[in-house]
Amino acid sequence: MAEIKSTLDLIMERTKDLTLTEEEKAAIREKEARERIRRLVSGCLDRRVDPEELAAQIENGDRNEATRKREILKEELIGRLDPERDNETILDLLEETGGMDTTALRALLAGYREERERERERRRYLFLKRMEEKGISGSALVSEPDRDPSWRAWLEERAAAFRRRAAANLKAS
């Protein structure tokens, strides 16, 4: 009588002579490292993982591996920067764990916020001017740029430009 084989048995039988190339092994290690660092960064930002634990995991391994992990860490942290939120924890992790000088990133964030406020004020002024031209005025008249789709589109475009500059800053460091 024929033996009934499980799916796993069939897969194991068909793949027993397959081996991974060095490039495939390196790609798998890279993917695993990225995922592990992503989880550790999430834990640090959620305050479930101590930054010292993150630093220990980054430094674990040989010199080349630790250097590559630091680069992955910097990419992950810079990818999480959001110019509309408080980024102090991310910047601190970049400095303390990634060994990165964040002066330029802090200047980028400040520049983004200044530009945003200038544009918000410009839009408020234009709104009030248009209302005045229509004969509408008074202290109850309030501009709400956050409800304007063109304002949201402007913010998204400026945030994308910020992220490009932050990524360029990483490459320059």
Protein backbone atom coordinates (compact mmCIF):
# COMPACT_ATOMS: atom_id res chain seq x y z
CA MET A 1 0.00 0.00 0.00
CA ALA A 2 1.29 3.43 -0.93
CA GLU A 3 2.38 5.75 1.83
CA ILE A 4 0.42 8.98 2.20
CA LYS A 5 2.81 11.92 2.49
CA SER A 6 2.13 15.24 4.09
CA THR A 7 2.58 18.49 2.21
CA LEU A 8 5.66 19.20 4.29
CA ASP A 9 7.16 15.82 3.36
CA LEU A 10 6.55 16.54 -0.32
CA ILE A 11 8.14 19.97 -0.07
CA MET A 12 11.14 18.62 1.80
CA GLU A 13 11.61 15.89 -0.78
CA ARG A 14 11.54 18.31 -3.70
CA THR A 15 13.83 20.88 -2.14
CA LYS A 16 16.45 18.63 -0.53
CA ASP A 17 19.05 19.37 -3.21
CA LEU A 18 18.45 23.13 -3.34
CA THR A 19 20.97 25.45 -1.73
CA LEU A 20 21.08 29.20 -1.34
CA THR A 21 23.70 31.30 -3.08
CA GLU A 22 25.84 33.66 -1.00
CA GLU A 23 23.85 36.61 -2.40
CA GLU A 24 20.57 35.02 -1.32
CA LYS A 25 21.97 34.32 2.15
CA ALA A 26 23.16 37.93 2.42
CA ALA A 27 19.74 39.21 1.30
CA ILE A 28 18.02 37.06 3.92
CA ARG A 29 20.39 38.29 6.66
CA GLU A 30 19.79 41.90 5.56
CA LYS A 31 16.02 41.45 5.62
CA GLU A 32 16.13 39.81 9.04
CA ALA A 33 18.37 42.58 10.41
CA ARG A 34 16.05 45.27 9.06
CA GLU A 35 13.01 43.59 10.60
CA ARG A 36 14.74 43.09 13.97
CA ILE A 37 15.88 46.74 14.04
CA ARG A 38 12.43 47.95 12.97
CA ARG A 39 10.87 46.03 15.89
CA LEU A 40 13.47 47.34 18.35
CA VAL A 41 12.97 50.93 17.18
CA SER A 42 9.19 50.54 17.52
CA GLY A 43 9.74 49.21 21.03
CA CYS A 44 11.99 52.14 21.94
CA LEU A 45 9.50 54.68 20.60
CA ASP A 46 6.69 52.94 22.52
CA ARG A 47 8.94 52.84 25.61
CA ARG A 48 8.78 49.03 25.76
CA VAL A 49 12.47 48.60 24.89
CA ASP A 50 15.28 50.42 26.63
CA PRO A 51 17.58 52.41 24.30
CA GLU A 52 20.54 50.58 25.86
CA GLU A 53 19.05 47.29 24.67
CA LEU A 54 18.77 48.72 21.17
CA ALA A 55 22.39 49.87 21.33
CA ALA A 56 23.52 46.43 22.54
CA GLN A 57 21.69 44.71 19.68
CA ILE A 58 23.25 47.09 17.15
CA GLU A 59 26.78 46.49 18.46
CA ASN A 60 26.28 42.71 18.63
CA GLY A 61 28.32 40.99 15.93
CA ASP A 62 31.51 41.75 14.06
CA ARG A 63 32.62 45.26 13.12
CA ASN A 64 31.19 45.21 9.57
CA GLU A 65 27.87 43.83 10.78
CA ALA A 66 27.62 46.47 13.52
CA THR A 67 28.39 49.22 11.00
CA ARG A 68 25.69 47.93 8.66
CA LYS A 69 23.20 47.69 11.54
CA ARG A 70 23.93 51.32 12.48
CA GLU A 71 23.22 52.36 8.88
CA ILE A 72 19.94 50.40 8.92
CA LEU A 73 19.07 52.01 12.27
CA LYS A 74 19.71 55.51 10.89
CA GLU A 75 17.59 54.77 7.81
CA GLU A 76 14.76 53.45 9.99
CA LEU A 77 14.84 56.41 12.37
CA ILE A 78 15.09 59.04 9.65
CA GLY A 79 12.21 57.32 7.86
CA ARG A 80 10.10 57.85 10.98
CA LEU A 81 10.73 61.57 11.24
CA ASP A 82 7.49 63.49 10.88
CA PRO A 83 7.83 67.26 10.68
CA GLU A 84 4.30 67.65 12.07
CA ARG A 85 5.09 65.78 15.31
CA ASP A 86 7.55 65.84 18.19
CA ASN A 87 10.68 64.06 16.98
CA GLU A 88 12.84 64.50 20.06
CA THR A 89 12.94 60.77 20.92
CA ILE A 90 13.93 59.86 17.36
CA LEU A 91 16.63 62.53 17.28
CA ASP A 92 17.97 61.37 20.65
CA LEU A 93 18.14 57.77 19.39
CA LEU A 94 19.97 58.93 16.26
CA GLU A 95 22.54 60.70 18.41
CA GLU A 96 22.95 58.17 21.20
CA THR A 97 22.54 54.87 19.37
CA GLY A 98 23.28 55.80 15.78
CA GLY A 99 26.20 58.08 16.62
CA MET A 100 24.83 60.76 14.30
CA ASP A 101 25.09 64.53 14.65
CA THR A 102 21.48 65.71 14.37
CA THR A 103 22.19 69.45 14.13
CA ALA A 104 21.33 69.53 10.42
CA LEU A 105 18.14 67.50 10.95
CA ARG A 106 17.05 69.81 13.76
CA ALA A 107 17.66 72.79 11.47
CA LEU A 108 15.60 71.09 8.72
CA LEU A 109 12.73 70.54 11.17
CA ALA A 110 12.87 74.14 12.38
CA GLY A 111 12.98 75.40 8.79
CA TYR A 112 9.98 73.27 7.85
CA ARG A 113 7.98 74.61 10.80
CA GLU A 114 8.89 78.22 10.06
CA GLU A 115 7.92 77.78 6.40
CA ARG A 116 4.64 76.14 7.44
CA GLU A 117 3.74 79.00 9.77
CA ARG A 118 4.59 81.64 7.15
CA GLU A 119 2.39 79.85 4.62
CA ARG A 120 -0.43 79.45 7.18
CA GLU A 121 -0.31 83.18 7.92
CA ARG A 122 -0.20 84.03 4.21
CA ARG A 123 -3.29 81.90 3.59
CA ARG A 124 -5.10 83.46 6.55
CA TYR A 125 -4.32 86.91 5.24
CA LEU A 126 -5.52 86.03 1.72
CA PHE A 127 -8.73 84.51 3.13
CA LEU A 128 -9.51 87.60 5.17
CA LYS A 129 -8.68 89.83 2.18
CA ARG A 130 -11.09 87.85 -0.07
CA MET A 131 -13.82 88.07 2.56
CA GLU A 132 -13.24 91.80 2.94
CA GLU A 133 -13.55 92.24 -0.84
CA LYS A 134 -16.92 90.48 -0.63
CA GLY A 135 -17.99 92.83 2.13
CA ILE A 136 -17.67 90.26 4.90
CA SER A 137 -15.72 91.24 7.99
CA GLY A 138 -15.79 91.06 11.76
CA SER A 139 -14.14 89.43 14.74
CA ALA A 140 -16.09 86.20 14.27
CA LEU A 141 -14.53 85.62 10.85
CA VAL A 142 -11.91 82.89 11.23
CA SER A 143 -9.73 81.31 8.60
CA GLU A 144 -9.45 77.52 8.89
CA PRO A 145 -6.65 76.45 6.56
CA ASP A 146 -6.76 72.88 7.91
CA ARG A 147 -10.09 72.40 6.14
CA ASP A 148 -8.70 73.55 2.80
CA PRO A 149 -7.66 70.66 0.49
CA SER A 150 -5.00 72.84 -1.15
CA TRP A 151 -3.47 73.47 2.31
CA ARG A 152 -3.32 69.73 3.02
CA ALA A 153 -1.76 69.14 -0.41
CA TRP A 154 0.80 71.87 0.29
CA LEU A 155 1.63 70.28 3.65
CA GLU A 156 2.04 66.84 2.07
CA GLU A 157 4.32 68.22 -0.64
CA ARG A 158 6.46 70.09 1.90
CA ALA A 159 6.63 67.04 4.20
CA ALA A 160 7.79 64.91 1.25
CA ALA A 161 10.45 67.51 0.45
CA PHE A 162 11.52 67.42 4.11
CA ARG A 163 11.86 63.62 3.99
CA ARG A 164 13.96 63.83 0.81
CA ARG A 165 16.28 66.36 2.45
CA ALA A 166 16.49 64.25 5.63
CA ALA A 167 17.40 61.17 3.56
CA ALA A 168 20.03 63.22 1.71
CA ASN A 169 21.37 64.30 5.09
CA LEU A 170 21.80 60.62 6.02
CA LYS A 171 23.78 59.94 2.87
CA ALA A 172 25.99 62.96 3.57
CA SER A 173 26.75 61.85 7.13
